[in-house]
Amino acid sequence: MGITPQQLQQIQQRLNGSKPRATTIPAAKAISHQVILGIDPSLRGTGYGVIHLAKPHPIAVAQGTISIAASWERSRCLVKIHQTLRGVIAEHKPTACVLEGLFYAQNLQTALIMGEARGASMVAAGEAGLELFEISPRKMKQAIVGYGGAQKSAVAKMVQRLLALTNEPDPDAADALALALAFAQESKGLAINSPKRV
C-alpha cells in the first residue's frame, strides 16, 4: 500500500515532534446577486420577471407570460418555455433564478404537468449556470403581501407598488416578480425563511 507525498510529510513532522500544519480550504465566496430571475412555471402560462437590485427600490427590467395555445402538445409547450427563458437569460444575464416551489395538488395529472413546466424552466436556468432556489407560494405571499393566503390580485398590486410600475403586471408575471423580490429580501436578511436551494 503506497502513501502520498503529503502523508509522508505529515508522518515525518509527527516523528520530529512538530504538529502538522492544518490545511485550510478557502471558504466559498458568497455571491451577491444583483440581477434576479423569478419564474412562475405553468404549461400554458409561465410567468417570468427579472429585477435589478438598485436604490431606492429594485427595478423591473423584464417581465411577461409565455402564453401557449391549448392546441399545442405538451412537448412543444416545454420547448417554447425553455427557448423563451433561455432568451430572457441571455439578454438580461441574471445570476440567480427563483422558482415557485411545489405545492399540493389534488389532481395527480395537474401535478405532473406542473412538474414538467418546472423542469423545462430549471433546465434553462441550469444550463446558463444560474444559482437555483425555490420559494413556496405561501412564503412568497407572506414576504410580499404580509399574508400567505393572499389573492393573485393583491400580489400584483403590491408588486406594482414595490417596483414603482406604471401598470399592474399580469398575474403570472406578477407572481414571478414577487418571487424575485422575496429572494431579494432574503439576500438583505429581511426574509422570515431562507429560500431552498435546488
Protein backbone atom coordinates (compact mmCIF):
# COMPACT_ATOMS: atom_id res chain seq x y z
CA MET A 1 0.00 0.00 0.00
CA GLY A 2 1.51 3.35 -1.02
CA ILE A 3 1.29 6.74 0.62
CA THR A 4 1.06 10.17 -0.89
CA PRO A 5 3.85 12.78 -0.56
CA GLN A 6 1.54 14.80 1.72
CA GLN A 7 1.00 11.80 4.02
CA LEU A 8 4.79 11.18 4.11
CA GLN A 9 5.37 14.80 5.11
CA GLN A 10 2.79 14.52 7.92
CA ILE A 11 4.43 11.31 9.24
CA GLN A 12 7.87 12.97 9.21
CA GLN A 13 6.51 16.00 11.09
CA ARG A 14 4.96 13.75 13.75
CA LEU A 15 8.25 11.83 14.14
CA ASN A 16 10.15 15.11 14.55
CA GLY A 17 7.69 16.21 17.23
CA SER A 18 6.15 19.09 15.30
CA LYS A 19 2.45 19.42 14.70
CA PRO A 20 1.32 19.07 11.10
CA ARG A 21 0.09 22.29 9.59
CA ALA A 22 -3.64 22.35 9.12
CA THR A 23 -4.64 22.56 5.53
CA THR A 24 -7.12 25.35 5.15
CA ILE A 25 -9.69 25.34 2.42
CA PRO A 26 -10.83 28.80 1.44
CA ALA A 27 -14.50 29.41 2.19
CA ALA A 28 -16.78 29.67 -0.79
CA LYS A 29 -17.20 33.27 -1.76
CA ALA A 30 -20.76 34.42 -1.23
CA ILE A 31 -22.26 35.79 -4.40
CA SER A 32 -24.26 38.97 -4.04
CA HIS A 33 -26.94 38.70 -6.70
CA GLN A 34 -27.82 41.98 -8.41
CA VAL A 35 -29.98 40.61 -11.25
CA ILE A 36 -32.57 38.02 -10.25
CA LEU A 37 -34.93 35.98 -12.43
CA GLY A 38 -38.24 34.83 -10.96
CA ILE A 39 -40.26 32.09 -12.66
CA ASP A 40 -43.86 31.02 -12.03
CA PRO A 41 -43.98 27.79 -14.07
CA SER A 42 -47.11 26.57 -15.83
CA LEU A 43 -47.56 24.61 -19.05
CA ARG A 44 -49.83 27.16 -20.75
CA GLY A 45 -48.76 30.37 -19.00
CA THR A 46 -45.30 30.50 -17.43
CA GLY A 47 -44.67 33.89 -15.85
CA TYR A 48 -41.21 35.39 -15.67
CA GLY A 49 -39.76 38.56 -14.21
CA VAL A 50 -36.24 39.95 -13.97
CA ILE A 51 -35.33 42.55 -11.37
CA HIS A 52 -32.15 44.56 -10.87
CA LEU A 53 -31.38 45.48 -7.26
CA ALA A 54 -30.96 49.23 -7.03
CA LYS A 55 -31.70 52.12 -4.67
CA PRO A 56 -34.17 53.36 -3.59
CA HIS A 57 -36.03 50.27 -4.85
CA PRO A 58 -35.45 47.32 -7.20
CA ILE A 59 -36.13 47.89 -10.89
CA ALA A 60 -38.11 45.51 -13.12
CA VAL A 61 -36.05 45.07 -16.28
CA ALA A 62 -38.21 42.39 -17.93
CA GLN A 63 -41.50 40.66 -17.32
CA GLY A 64 -44.01 38.63 -19.22
CA THR A 65 -46.01 35.46 -19.62
CA ILE A 66 -45.13 32.66 -22.01
CA SER A 67 -48.67 32.06 -23.27
CA ILE A 68 -49.16 28.86 -25.22
CA ALA A 69 -52.21 27.73 -27.19
CA ALA A 70 -54.29 24.91 -25.73
CA SER A 71 -53.98 23.03 -29.04
CA TRP A 72 -50.20 22.55 -28.65
CA GLU A 73 -48.98 19.17 -27.42
CA ARG A 74 -47.05 19.20 -24.14
CA SER A 75 -43.64 18.53 -25.68
CA ARG A 76 -43.99 21.59 -27.92
CA CYS A 77 -45.04 23.71 -24.91
CA LEU A 78 -41.96 22.64 -22.95
CA VAL A 79 -39.65 23.55 -25.83
CA LYS A 80 -41.27 27.00 -26.06
CA ILE A 81 -40.85 27.58 -22.30
CA HIS A 82 -37.19 26.53 -22.43
CA GLN A 83 -36.36 28.61 -25.52
CA THR A 84 -38.10 31.75 -24.27
CA LEU A 85 -36.43 31.60 -20.85
CA ARG A 86 -33.07 30.92 -22.49
CA GLY A 87 -33.52 34.15 -24.49
CA VAL A 88 -34.52 36.14 -21.39
CA ILE A 89 -31.46 34.84 -19.53
CA ALA A 90 -29.12 35.61 -22.43
CA GLU A 91 -30.44 39.16 -22.73
CA HIS A 92 -30.57 40.17 -19.04
CA LYS A 93 -27.83 37.95 -17.54
CA PRO A 94 -29.28 37.17 -14.10
CA THR A 95 -27.08 35.25 -11.65
CA ALA A 96 -29.90 33.73 -9.58
CA CYS A 97 -33.19 32.10 -10.50
CA VAL A 98 -36.08 31.70 -8.08
CA LEU A 99 -38.86 29.25 -8.92
CA GLU A 100 -42.22 28.86 -7.31
CA GLY A 101 -41.95 25.81 -5.07
CA LEU A 102 -44.11 22.74 -5.50
CA PHE A 103 -47.45 22.77 -3.78
CA TYR A 104 -50.01 20.12 -3.00
CA ALA A 105 -52.24 19.35 -5.98
CA GLN A 106 -55.38 17.26 -5.62
CA ASN A 107 -55.11 16.11 -9.23
CA LEU A 108 -52.07 13.92 -9.95
CA GLN A 109 -52.18 14.78 -13.67
CA THR A 110 -52.04 18.51 -12.86
CA ALA A 111 -49.07 17.95 -10.55
CA LEU A 112 -47.19 16.02 -13.26
CA ILE A 113 -47.83 18.70 -15.89
CA MET A 114 -46.72 21.45 -13.50
CA GLY A 115 -43.58 19.43 -12.77
CA GLU A 116 -42.80 19.22 -16.48
CA ALA A 117 -43.08 23.02 -16.91
CA ARG A 118 -40.93 23.48 -13.83
CA GLY A 119 -38.34 21.08 -15.25
CA ALA A 120 -38.15 22.98 -18.56
CA SER A 121 -37.62 26.20 -16.58
CA MET A 122 -34.93 24.63 -14.40
CA VAL A 123 -33.03 23.33 -17.43
CA ALA A 124 -32.96 26.81 -18.99
CA ALA A 125 -31.60 28.31 -15.77
CA GLY A 126 -29.27 25.43 -15.01
CA GLU A 127 -27.60 25.37 -18.42
CA ALA A 128 -26.86 29.10 -18.04
CA GLY A 129 -25.12 28.43 -14.71
CA LEU A 130 -27.61 30.33 -12.55
CA GLU A 131 -27.94 29.51 -8.88
CA LEU A 132 -31.39 27.95 -8.45
CA PHE A 133 -33.70 28.49 -5.49
CA GLU A 134 -37.34 27.84 -4.72
CA ILE A 135 -39.84 29.64 -2.53
CA SER A 136 -43.26 28.22 -1.74
CA PRO A 137 -46.29 30.25 -2.88
CA ARG A 138 -47.36 30.88 0.75
CA LYS A 139 -43.91 32.12 1.79
CA MET A 140 -43.71 34.39 -1.26
CA LYS A 141 -47.13 35.90 -0.47
CA GLN A 142 -46.17 36.29 3.19
CA ALA A 143 -42.98 38.12 2.21
CA ILE A 144 -44.62 40.44 -0.35
CA VAL A 145 -48.19 40.98 0.89
CA GLY A 146 -47.84 40.01 4.55
CA TYR A 147 -50.43 37.23 4.28
CA GLY A 148 -49.73 33.71 2.99
CA GLY A 149 -53.24 33.23 1.63
CA ALA A 150 -53.31 36.47 -0.41
CA GLN A 151 -55.10 36.52 -3.77
CA LYS A 152 -53.17 36.96 -7.03
CA SER A 153 -54.63 40.46 -7.44
CA ALA A 154 -53.19 41.53 -4.07
CA VAL A 155 -49.76 40.20 -5.09
CA ALA A 156 -49.93 42.08 -8.41
CA LYS A 157 -50.88 45.36 -6.67
CA MET A 158 -48.04 45.06 -4.16
CA VAL A 159 -45.52 44.18 -6.87
CA GLN A 160 -46.62 47.24 -8.83
CA ARG A 161 -46.08 49.37 -5.74
CA LEU A 162 -42.72 47.86 -4.73
CA LEU A 163 -41.28 48.19 -8.24
CA ALA A 164 -42.95 51.56 -8.98
CA LEU A 165 -44.52 50.18 -12.15
CA THR A 166 -46.94 52.37 -14.12
CA ASN A 167 -49.23 49.39 -14.82
CA GLU A 168 -50.18 46.38 -12.78
CA PRO A 169 -48.39 43.29 -14.19
CA ASP A 170 -50.44 40.35 -15.38
CA PRO A 171 -50.97 37.71 -12.63
CA ASP A 172 -48.34 35.18 -13.78
CA ALA A 173 -45.65 37.82 -14.36
CA ALA A 174 -46.58 39.43 -11.02
CA ASP A 175 -46.00 36.15 -9.20
CA ALA A 176 -42.62 35.75 -10.93
CA LEU A 177 -41.59 39.31 -9.97
CA ALA A 178 -42.82 38.65 -6.42
CA LEU A 179 -40.59 35.57 -6.20
CA ALA A 180 -37.58 37.65 -7.27
CA LEU A 181 -38.48 40.36 -4.73
CA ALA A 182 -38.90 37.80 -1.94
CA PHE A 183 -35.45 36.41 -2.77
CA ALA A 184 -34.00 39.94 -2.73
CA GLN A 185 -35.43 40.43 0.78
CA GLU A 186 -33.67 37.24 1.87
CA SER A 187 -30.36 38.45 0.47
CA LYS A 188 -30.70 41.55 2.66
CA GLY A 189 -31.50 39.39 5.68
CA LEU A 190 -35.14 40.54 5.82
CA ALA A 191 -36.86 37.27 4.98
CA ILE A 192 -38.57 35.07 7.55
CA ASN A 193 -37.44 31.83 5.86
CA SER A 194 -34.48 31.34 3.55
CA PRO A 195 -35.22 30.10 0.02
CA LYS A 196 -34.46 26.43 -0.57
CA ARG A 197 -31.53 25.73 -2.90
CA VAL A 198 -32.37 23.33 -5.75
